Amino acid sequence: MSKSIFLIRHSKATREYSKINDSDRPLTEKGCHDTEKMSLILKAHTNSVDLILTSTAVRAYSSALIYCKHLDYHPNNIKLEKNLYMTGSKDMLAILKNLDERVNSIIMIAHNPGLERLVKLLTGMENLHFATSGLAMIESKFNNWSELDNGSCNLLSYRHPKETIYN
């Protein structure tokens, strides 16, 4: 069975508090709204995932909580990964390559520029700009996480909150 990877860039976070650490910045109201929208788009594609893995930054974890609500994923099962905060695509790839093979689908919520570079690395899509709240739906060409590498995946869809959708 091929692996499904849902890469998500955290939603818009506030910059209004100059005295808090970058990793502690909360989502804005717009960020919460955009995450709700994107989680419903993902829910139309899949009803559940095996694992939600998120950066420890408040804005990423808050985004993960909103996805949990729509995907019937218990918040206590979110895996916090400090190595997803301010890291590069190769480190993110290493995290994916070391996942338990029983996991067939994952949401990874992280930050740019690493996340955008990871999509490019996995899929070869060079012209992708990964907006805040962006969602890349990716399918591996292989059945094992350890086989992930340059160009080893297909980009099924890339969605972002600013696009206009006509239903």
Foldseek 3Di string as FASTA:
>chain_A
DWAKEKEWEFFAFDPPDPPDDPLATAHDPVSLVFLLVLLVVVCVVPLAFDAEEEESRNRTLVSVVSNCVRNVNDSVRHHYDNCQEPHAQVSVLVVQLPDDLVGRYYYYYHHPPRRVVNCCQQAVPPPDDADHRKIWIKIFPDSHSNPGTGNRIHGPDIDGSVDDDDD
